[in-house]
Amino acid sequence: MAMNRAIEGLEQKADFALIDGNKIPVGIKIPAAAIVKGDAKSMSIAAASILAKVARDRLMREYDEK
């Protein structure tokens, strides 16, 4: 559900999804490819992984302050 929301919420619409893993989540409405160990094989997946980690770390720091 979260991946679908993320894809649908993009300002610039995606036409293909690269997914780090071995399964394409149910309900993905655009063509997609699941890539096992994708962060080691795709620069796009690796970059997205770094951005997600930085965003999560910031959010956790904010929650910790509260």
Protein backbone atom coordinates (compact mmCIF):
# COMPACT_ATOMS: atom_id res chain seq x y z
CA MET A 1 0.00 0.00 0.00
CA ALA A 2 2.81 2.40 0.89
CA MET A 3 4.60 1.80 -2.41
CA ASN A 4 1.38 2.41 -4.34
CA ARG A 5 0.80 5.65 -2.43
CA ALA A 6 4.38 6.75 -3.08
CA ILE A 7 4.10 6.07 -6.81
CA GLU A 8 0.72 7.77 -7.09
CA GLY A 9 1.92 10.77 -5.07
CA LEU A 10 4.85 11.60 -7.33
CA GLU A 11 4.80 15.08 -8.80
CA GLN A 12 6.24 13.76 -12.05
CA LYS A 13 4.44 10.55 -12.92
CA ALA A 14 6.54 7.38 -13.13
CA ASP A 15 6.30 5.08 -16.11
CA PHE A 16 8.35 2.21 -14.62
CA ALA A 17 9.27 1.05 -11.10
CA LEU A 18 12.48 -0.65 -10.06
CA ILE A 19 11.86 -2.60 -6.87
CA ASP A 20 14.57 -3.86 -4.53
CA GLY A 21 13.44 -7.38 -3.74
CA ASN A 22 12.07 -10.53 -5.29
CA LYS A 23 8.39 -9.60 -5.66
CA ILE A 24 6.41 -6.83 -7.27
CA PRO A 25 3.79 -5.70 -4.74
CA VAL A 26 0.15 -6.34 -5.60
CA GLY A 27 -1.60 -3.35 -7.10
CA ILE A 28 1.35 -1.60 -8.74
CA LYS A 29 -0.31 0.11 -11.69
CA ILE A 30 2.78 0.73 -13.82
CA PRO A 31 5.25 -1.71 -15.35
CA ALA A 32 7.83 -2.81 -12.79
CA ALA A 33 10.81 -5.07 -12.25
CA ALA A 34 11.83 -6.67 -8.96
CA ILE A 35 15.61 -6.93 -8.60
CA VAL A 36 17.12 -9.09 -5.85
CA LYS A 37 19.90 -7.11 -4.13
CA GLY A 38 18.84 -4.20 -6.32
CA ASP A 39 20.79 -1.64 -4.30
CA ALA A 40 24.00 -3.38 -5.39
CA LYS A 41 22.92 -3.74 -9.02
CA SER A 42 21.12 -0.47 -9.80
CA MET A 43 22.38 3.04 -9.14
CA SER A 44 18.77 4.28 -9.09
CA ILE A 45 17.77 1.81 -6.37
CA ALA A 46 20.95 2.55 -4.40
CA ALA A 47 20.28 6.31 -4.55
CA ALA A 48 16.65 5.83 -3.51
CA SER A 49 17.79 3.67 -0.61
CA ILE A 50 20.16 6.38 0.63
CA LEU A 51 17.48 9.07 0.35
CA ALA A 52 14.98 6.91 2.22
CA LYS A 53 17.47 6.19 5.01
CA VAL A 54 18.34 9.88 5.43
CA ALA A 55 14.64 10.81 5.53
CA ARG A 56 13.90 8.07 8.07
CA ASP A 57 16.86 9.08 10.26
CA ARG A 58 15.64 12.69 10.31
CA LEU A 59 12.13 11.58 11.22
CA MET A 60 13.44 9.37 14.04
CA ARG A 61 15.47 12.29 15.45
CA GLU A 62 12.32 14.44 15.41
CA TYR A 63 10.32 11.72 17.18
CA ASP A 64 13.10 11.33 19.74
CA GLU A 65 12.94 15.06 20.56
CA LYS A 66 9.20 14.79 21.17
